[in-house]
Every structure is written in C-alpha cells, then in structure tokens.
Amino acid sequence: MKVVLKILFAGLIGFFVFTASCKKQPKCGCEGDVINEIQGYPMYVYYDSANNSAWFNPVGNPLSTYYMCNPSDFMSVMTRFESGAYLLVSGSVFWECNYLMRASNNPYYQSYKSYNIDVTDMHEDLYGK
C-alpha cells in the first residue's frame, strides 16, 4: 500500500511540474512569432538609403515604431517619395527584441511600442486623387 501511495504521489507531483510550467515567451525579431497582420495601414515612412534601413510610424500613433525587416525589397518604392511620406503598408508584424527586454524593466517602454515588420506591399494612398 505504501508503494502505491508513493507512486501516486510522485505521479501527482510530475503532473503539476509538466502542466504548470511557465508560458512560452514569444519569439521576437524578423523570424519570430507573428503577432499581427496589417493590410494597407497608413504609415509615415522614413528611410536611409545609404544604410539600407527603414522604419515607420503609424498615422495618429507616434509612440509606435515599426522597423522594416526587408528594406532592400522596397527601397525603390520608398525613394520615389521623400523620407517621412505617408504610404499604405501591408505585412507581418513581430515584437522587436530590444523592446521586449526593456519593457519588462522600465515603465517608459510599456507606453512606447517597437515592432519589426516583414513588408509585403507598400503603395501611395490614391484616395481622392
């Protein structure tokens, strides 16, 4: 009887260890877990063609920044406009790794959001033109 109780107790402890483990942290960066898909989202697009980098701020939300994962794919589109131009952007959105690390320790980073985006489409807003 004691052996059966010990086995049952060990099984119960094992059950709690395996089912009550920590939640999986989201993978961040351009190869991370997709947290959102956006379609034709209005953004102010900023780029640096010399360093092949680009980032966006959503219209009406200057506290969020989207860093582009694939700027070379759309640099020819972006350079047709001035840096800071209003364009519609589509793509897969991921958490930016530095943001995730800092947001847990600093309340400033909880209001300022930073993402990575793998852009699939970018075009001018022709509504009303």
N, C-alpha and C. Protein backbone atom coordinates (compact mmCIF):
# COMPACT_ATOMS: atom_id res chain seq x y z
N MET A 1 0.82 -1.19 0.00
CA MET A 1 0.00 0.00 0.00
C MET A 1 0.86 1.26 0.00
N LYS A 2 1.94 1.27 0.79
CA LYS A 2 2.82 2.43 0.85
C LYS A 2 3.49 2.68 -0.51
N VAL A 3 3.83 1.62 -1.20
CA VAL A 3 4.46 1.75 -2.51
C VAL A 3 3.49 2.40 -3.50
N VAL A 4 2.23 1.99 -3.46
CA VAL A 4 1.22 2.55 -4.35
C VAL A 4 1.01 4.04 -4.06
N LEU A 5 0.97 4.41 -2.78
CA LEU A 5 0.81 5.81 -2.41
C LEU A 5 2.01 6.65 -2.85
N LYS A 6 3.22 6.11 -2.73
CA LYS A 6 4.42 6.83 -3.17
C LYS A 6 4.40 7.04 -4.68
N ILE A 7 4.00 6.02 -5.42
CA ILE A 7 3.93 6.13 -6.88
C ILE A 7 2.86 7.15 -7.27
N LEU A 8 1.72 7.09 -6.61
CA LEU A 8 0.64 8.03 -6.88
C LEU A 8 1.07 9.46 -6.55
N PHE A 9 1.74 9.65 -5.44
CA PHE A 9 2.22 10.97 -5.04
C PHE A 9 3.27 11.49 -6.03
N ALA A 10 4.20 10.65 -6.45
CA ALA A 10 5.22 11.04 -7.42
C ALA A 10 4.57 11.40 -8.77
N GLY A 11 3.55 10.64 -9.16
CA GLY A 11 2.84 10.94 -10.40
C GLY A 11 2.11 12.27 -10.32
N LEU A 12 1.52 12.56 -9.17
CA LEU A 12 0.82 13.82 -8.97
C LEU A 12 1.79 15.00 -9.05
N ILE A 13 2.93 14.88 -8.43
CA ILE A 13 3.94 15.93 -8.49
C ILE A 13 4.44 16.11 -9.92
N GLY A 14 4.69 15.02 -10.60
CA GLY A 14 5.13 15.08 -12.00
C GLY A 14 4.09 15.76 -12.88
N PHE A 15 2.82 15.47 -12.64
CA PHE A 15 1.75 16.09 -13.41
C PHE A 15 1.77 17.61 -13.25
N PHE A 16 1.91 18.09 -12.01
CA PHE A 16 1.94 19.53 -11.76
C PHE A 16 3.19 20.19 -12.34
N VAL A 17 4.31 19.51 -12.30
CA VAL A 17 5.54 20.08 -12.85
C VAL A 17 5.41 20.29 -14.35
N PHE A 18 4.84 19.31 -15.05
CA PHE A 18 4.76 19.40 -16.51
C PHE A 18 3.59 20.25 -17.00
N THR A 19 2.52 20.37 -16.26
CA THR A 19 1.37 21.16 -16.73
C THR A 19 1.38 22.59 -16.21
N ALA A 20 2.07 22.85 -15.13
CA ALA A 20 2.08 24.20 -14.55
C ALA A 20 3.39 24.94 -14.86
N SER A 21 4.00 24.60 -15.99
CA SER A 21 5.26 25.25 -16.34
C SER A 21 4.99 26.68 -16.83
N CYS A 22 6.05 27.42 -17.03
CA CYS A 22 5.94 28.81 -17.48
C CYS A 22 5.36 28.88 -18.89
N LYS A 23 4.71 30.00 -19.17
CA LYS A 23 4.19 30.21 -20.51
C LYS A 23 5.35 30.45 -21.47
N LYS A 24 5.18 30.03 -22.70
CA LYS A 24 6.20 30.22 -23.72
C LYS A 24 6.35 31.71 -24.02
N GLN A 25 7.56 32.20 -23.98
CA GLN A 25 7.83 33.57 -24.35
C GLN A 25 7.73 33.69 -25.87
N PRO A 26 7.15 34.77 -26.39
CA PRO A 26 7.09 34.92 -27.84
C PRO A 26 8.48 35.12 -28.43
N LYS A 27 8.72 34.46 -29.57
CA LYS A 27 9.97 34.69 -30.28
C LYS A 27 9.88 36.06 -30.93
N CYS A 28 10.93 36.84 -30.80
CA CYS A 28 10.92 38.20 -31.31
C CYS A 28 11.80 38.31 -32.56
N GLY A 29 11.79 39.48 -33.16
CA GLY A 29 12.60 39.74 -34.34
C GLY A 29 11.91 39.32 -35.61
N CYS A 30 12.59 39.49 -36.72
CA CYS A 30 12.01 39.24 -38.03
C CYS A 30 11.69 37.77 -38.30
N GLU A 31 12.27 36.88 -37.56
CA GLU A 31 11.99 35.45 -37.71
C GLU A 31 11.14 34.93 -36.54
N GLY A 32 10.53 35.84 -35.81
CA GLY A 32 9.79 35.48 -34.61
C GLY A 32 8.37 35.04 -34.88
N ASP A 33 7.57 35.07 -33.83
CA ASP A 33 6.16 34.71 -33.91
C ASP A 33 5.37 35.92 -34.40
N VAL A 34 4.56 35.74 -35.43
CA VAL A 34 3.74 36.82 -35.97
C VAL A 34 2.69 37.20 -34.93
N ILE A 35 2.63 38.49 -34.58
CA ILE A 35 1.62 38.94 -33.62
C ILE A 35 0.46 39.63 -34.29
N ASN A 36 0.66 40.06 -35.55
CA ASN A 36 -0.40 40.77 -36.25
C ASN A 36 -0.09 40.80 -37.74
N GLU A 37 -1.13 40.85 -38.54
CA GLU A 37 -1.01 41.06 -39.99
C GLU A 37 -1.71 42.38 -40.28
N ILE A 38 -1.03 43.27 -40.98
CA ILE A 38 -1.67 44.54 -41.33
C ILE A 38 -1.84 44.61 -42.84
N GLN A 39 -2.92 45.28 -43.27
CA GLN A 39 -3.23 45.44 -44.68
C GLN A 39 -3.51 46.91 -44.96
N GLY A 40 -2.69 47.54 -45.78
CA GLY A 40 -2.92 48.93 -46.16
C GLY A 40 -2.98 49.88 -44.98
N TYR A 41 -2.09 49.71 -44.01
CA TYR A 41 -2.09 50.52 -42.80
C TYR A 41 -1.38 51.85 -43.08
N PRO A 42 -1.99 53.00 -42.77
CA PRO A 42 -1.36 54.29 -43.06
C PRO A 42 -0.17 54.55 -42.13
N MET A 43 0.98 54.79 -42.75
CA MET A 43 2.23 54.98 -42.00
C MET A 43 3.01 56.15 -42.59
N TYR A 44 3.75 56.82 -41.70
CA TYR A 44 4.76 57.77 -42.15
C TYR A 44 6.05 56.95 -42.29
N VAL A 45 6.57 56.91 -43.50
CA VAL A 45 7.69 56.04 -43.83
C VAL A 45 8.99 56.86 -43.86
N TYR A 46 9.97 56.40 -43.08
CA TYR A 46 11.28 57.03 -43.04
C TYR A 46 12.31 56.01 -43.50
N TYR A 47 13.28 56.45 -44.29
CA TYR A 47 14.28 55.51 -44.78
C TYR A 47 15.65 56.17 -44.84
N ASP A 48 16.67 55.34 -44.86
CA ASP A 48 18.05 55.76 -45.03
C ASP A 48 18.63 54.86 -46.12
N SER A 49 18.63 55.35 -47.35
CA SER A 49 19.06 54.52 -48.48
C SER A 49 20.55 54.19 -48.41
N ALA A 50 21.35 55.05 -47.82
CA ALA A 50 22.79 54.79 -47.70
C ALA A 50 23.06 53.59 -46.81
N ASN A 51 22.29 53.45 -45.74
CA ASN A 51 22.47 52.32 -44.81
C ASN A 51 21.44 51.22 -45.02
N ASN A 52 20.60 51.35 -46.04
CA ASN A 52 19.59 50.34 -46.37
C ASN A 52 18.73 49.99 -45.15
N SER A 53 18.12 51.01 -44.56
CA SER A 53 17.25 50.78 -43.42
C SER A 53 15.98 51.63 -43.57
N ALA A 54 14.92 51.18 -42.93
CA ALA A 54 13.65 51.90 -42.99
C ALA A 54 12.85 51.63 -41.73
N TRP A 55 12.03 52.61 -41.34
CA TRP A 55 11.16 52.46 -40.17
C TRP A 55 9.91 53.29 -40.42
N PHE A 56 8.85 52.96 -39.72
CA PHE A 56 7.55 53.59 -39.91
C PHE A 56 6.97 54.02 -38.57
N ASN A 57 6.16 55.07 -38.63
CA ASN A 57 5.32 55.47 -37.50
C ASN A 57 3.89 55.49 -38.01
N PRO A 58 2.97 54.80 -37.33
CA PRO A 58 1.57 54.83 -37.77
C PRO A 58 1.00 56.24 -37.66
N VAL A 59 0.16 56.59 -38.60
CA VAL A 59 -0.53 57.88 -38.57
C VAL A 59 -1.40 57.91 -37.31
N GLY A 60 -1.25 58.93 -36.51
CA GLY A 60 -2.04 59.07 -35.28
C GLY A 60 -1.46 58.35 -34.08
N ASN A 61 -0.29 57.69 -34.22
CA ASN A 61 0.32 56.99 -33.10
C ASN A 61 1.84 57.13 -33.16
N PRO A 62 2.38 58.28 -32.77
CA PRO A 62 3.83 58.48 -32.86
C PRO A 62 4.62 57.68 -31.83
N LEU A 63 3.95 57.04 -30.87
CA LEU A 63 4.65 56.26 -29.85
C LEU A 63 4.92 54.83 -30.27
N SER A 64 4.59 54.47 -31.50
CA SER A 64 4.90 53.14 -32.02
C SER A 64 5.83 53.27 -33.21
N THR A 65 6.82 52.40 -33.26
CA THR A 65 7.76 52.38 -34.38
C THR A 65 7.84 50.96 -34.92
N TYR A 66 7.79 50.86 -36.24
CA TYR A 66 7.92 49.60 -36.94
C TYR A 66 9.22 49.62 -37.72
N TYR A 67 10.15 48.72 -37.40
CA TYR A 67 11.42 48.63 -38.11
C TYR A 67 11.30 47.58 -39.21
N MET A 68 11.64 47.96 -40.41
CA MET A 68 11.43 47.10 -41.57
C MET A 68 12.47 45.99 -41.63
N CYS A 69 12.00 44.75 -41.82
CA CYS A 69 12.89 43.58 -41.93
C CYS A 69 13.54 43.50 -43.31
N ASN A 70 12.85 43.92 -44.34
CA ASN A 70 13.33 43.75 -45.71
C ASN A 70 13.35 45.07 -46.49
N PRO A 71 14.14 46.05 -46.03
CA PRO A 71 14.12 47.36 -46.70
C PRO A 71 14.62 47.33 -48.14
N SER A 72 15.55 46.45 -48.47
CA SER A 72 16.08 46.42 -49.83
C SER A 72 15.01 46.02 -50.85
N ASP A 73 14.01 45.25 -50.43
CA ASP A 73 12.94 44.83 -51.34
C ASP A 73 12.06 46.00 -51.77
N PHE A 74 11.97 47.04 -50.94
CA PHE A 74 11.06 48.16 -51.21
C PHE A 74 11.77 49.51 -51.28
N MET A 75 13.10 49.50 -51.31
CA MET A 75 13.83 50.78 -51.35
C MET A 75 13.50 51.56 -52.61
N SER A 76 13.29 50.88 -53.74
CA SER A 76 12.95 51.61 -54.97
C SER A 76 11.58 52.28 -54.86
N VAL A 77 10.66 51.69 -54.11
CA VAL A 77 9.35 52.32 -53.89
C VAL A 77 9.50 53.51 -52.96
N MET A 78 10.23 53.34 -51.88
CA MET A 78 10.37 54.40 -50.88
C MET A 78 11.11 55.62 -51.43
N THR A 79 12.13 55.40 -52.24
CA THR A 79 12.93 56.53 -52.73
C THR A 79 12.19 57.38 -53.76
N ARG A 80 11.05 56.92 -54.23
CA ARG A 80 10.22 57.77 -55.11
C ARG A 80 9.57 58.90 -54.31
N PHE A 81 9.56 58.76 -52.99
CA PHE A 81 8.94 59.75 -52.11
C PHE A 81 10.00 60.28 -51.15
N GLU A 82 9.72 61.43 -50.55
CA GLU A 82 10.61 61.95 -49.53
C GLU A 82 10.49 61.12 -48.26
N SER A 83 11.56 61.08 -47.49
CA SER A 83 11.51 60.40 -46.20
C SER A 83 10.48 61.10 -45.32
N GLY A 84 9.61 60.34 -44.69
CA GLY A 84 8.52 60.90 -43.89
C GLY A 84 7.21 60.94 -44.65
N ALA A 85 7.20 60.38 -45.87
CA ALA A 85 5.99 60.38 -46.69
C ALA A 85 4.92 59.47 -46.09
N TYR A 86 3.68 59.75 -46.44
CA TYR A 86 2.52 58.98 -45.99
C TYR A 86 2.27 57.88 -47.03
N LEU A 87 2.44 56.61 -46.64
CA LEU A 87 2.22 55.48 -47.53
C LEU A 87 1.37 54.43 -46.81
N LEU A 88 0.76 53.55 -47.59
CA LEU A 88 -0.01 52.44 -47.04
C LEU A 88 0.88 51.20 -47.05
N VAL A 89 0.98 50.54 -45.90
CA VAL A 89 1.91 49.43 -45.72
C VAL A 89 1.14 48.17 -45.31
N SER A 90 1.55 47.04 -45.87
CA SER A 90 0.99 45.73 -45.51
C SER A 90 2.14 44.81 -45.13
N GLY A 91 1.88 43.87 -44.21
CA GLY A 91 2.91 42.90 -43.86
C GLY A 91 2.64 42.20 -42.55
N SER A 92 3.59 41.35 -42.16
CA SER A 92 3.55 40.59 -40.92
C SER A 92 4.33 41.33 -39.84
N VAL A 93 3.74 41.44 -38.66
CA VAL A 93 4.33 42.22 -37.56
C VAL A 93 4.83 41.27 -36.47
N PHE A 94 6.03 41.56 -35.95
CA PHE A 94 6.67 40.78 -34.89
C PHE A 94 7.09 41.73 -33.77
N TRP A 95 7.29 41.19 -32.55
CA TRP A 95 7.85 42.01 -31.48
C TRP A 95 9.30 42.29 -31.79
N GLU A 96 9.75 43.50 -31.47
CA GLU A 96 11.16 43.86 -31.60
C GLU A 96 11.86 43.42 -30.32
N CYS A 97 12.98 42.72 -30.44
CA CYS A 97 13.61 42.05 -29.29
C CYS A 97 14.07 43.02 -28.21
N ASN A 98 14.69 44.14 -28.57
CA ASN A 98 15.13 45.10 -27.56
C ASN A 98 13.95 45.67 -26.80
N TYR A 99 12.85 45.91 -27.49
CA TYR A 99 11.65 46.41 -26.82
C TYR A 99 11.16 45.42 -25.76
N LEU A 100 11.07 44.14 -26.13
CA LEU A 100 10.58 43.14 -25.17
C LEU A 100 11.46 43.09 -23.94
N MET A 101 12.77 43.17 -24.12
CA MET A 101 13.69 43.09 -22.99
C MET A 101 13.54 44.32 -22.09
N ARG A 102 13.44 45.50 -22.68
CA ARG A 102 13.40 46.72 -21.88
C ARG A 102 12.02 47.01 -21.29
N ALA A 103 10.95 46.58 -21.95
CA ALA A 103 9.60 46.88 -21.48
C ALA A 103 9.30 46.23 -20.14
N SER A 104 9.95 45.10 -19.86
CA SER A 104 9.68 44.43 -18.59
C SER A 104 10.33 45.14 -17.41
N ASN A 105 11.32 46.00 -17.68
CA ASN A 105 12.06 46.65 -16.60
C ASN A 105 11.82 48.15 -16.48
N ASN A 106 11.21 48.77 -17.47
CA ASN A 106 11.11 50.21 -17.48
C ASN A 106 9.70 50.62 -17.92
N PRO A 107 8.97 51.36 -17.11
CA PRO A 107 7.59 51.74 -17.47
C PRO A 107 7.50 52.61 -18.72
N TYR A 108 8.57 53.35 -19.06
CA TYR A 108 8.55 54.17 -20.27
C TYR A 108 8.33 53.30 -21.50
N TYR A 109 8.98 52.17 -21.55
CA TYR A 109 8.89 51.29 -22.71
C TYR A 109 7.54 50.59 -22.81
N GLN A 110 6.75 50.61 -21.76
CA GLN A 110 5.44 49.99 -21.83
C GLN A 110 4.45 50.84 -22.63
N SER A 111 4.67 52.15 -22.68
CA SER A 111 3.79 53.00 -23.48
C SER A 111 4.35 53.19 -24.89
N TYR A 112 5.65 53.16 -25.04
CA TYR A 112 6.30 53.25 -26.35
C TYR A 112 6.45 51.83 -26.88
N LYS A 113 5.88 51.54 -28.03
CA LYS A 113 5.93 50.18 -28.57
C LYS A 113 6.84 50.15 -29.79
N SER A 114 7.57 49.05 -29.93
CA SER A 114 8.51 48.88 -31.03
C SER A 114 8.32 47.50 -31.64
N TYR A 115 8.22 47.45 -32.96
CA TYR A 115 7.94 46.21 -33.67
C TYR A 115 8.91 46.04 -34.83
N ASN A 116 8.98 44.82 -35.36
CA ASN A 116 9.60 44.53 -36.65
C ASN A 116 8.48 44.19 -37.61
N ILE A 117 8.67 44.52 -38.89
CA ILE A 117 7.64 44.21 -39.87
C ILE A 117 8.30 43.67 -41.14
N ASP A 118 7.77 42.56 -41.62
CA ASP A 118 8.18 41.98 -42.90
C ASP A 118 7.16 42.48 -43.92
N VAL A 119 7.53 43.50 -44.67
CA VAL A 119 6.60 44.19 -45.57
C VAL A 119 6.32 43.33 -46.80
N THR A 120 5.03 43.22 -47.14
CA THR A 120 4.62 42.51 -48.35
C THR A 120 4.11 43.45 -49.43
N ASP A 121 3.69 44.65 -49.05
CA ASP A 121 3.21 45.63 -50.02
C ASP A 121 3.34 47.02 -49.43
N MET A 122 3.63 47.97 -50.32
CA MET A 122 3.74 49.37 -49.92
C MET A 122 3.36 50.21 -51.12
N HIS A 123 2.40 51.10 -50.92
CA HIS A 123 1.98 51.94 -52.04
C HIS A 123 1.42 53.26 -51.53
N GLU A 124 1.32 54.19 -52.49
CA GLU A 124 0.80 55.51 -52.19
C GLU A 124 -0.71 55.44 -51.99
N ASP A 125 -1.24 56.25 -51.11
CA ASP A 125 -2.68 56.33 -50.88
C ASP A 125 -3.26 57.24 -51.97
N LEU A 126 -3.97 56.65 -52.91
CA LEU A 126 -4.52 57.41 -54.05
C LEU A 126 -5.96 57.82 -53.83
N TYR A 127 -6.48 57.65 -52.61
CA TYR A 127 -7.86 58.03 -52.33
C TYR A 127 -8.05 59.53 -52.54
N GLY A 128 -8.98 59.91 -53.34
CA GLY A 128 -9.28 61.31 -53.57
C GLY A 128 -8.41 61.98 -54.64
N LYS A 129 -7.53 61.22 -55.27
CA LYS A 129 -6.66 61.81 -56.30
C LYS A 129 -7.17 61.49 -57.68
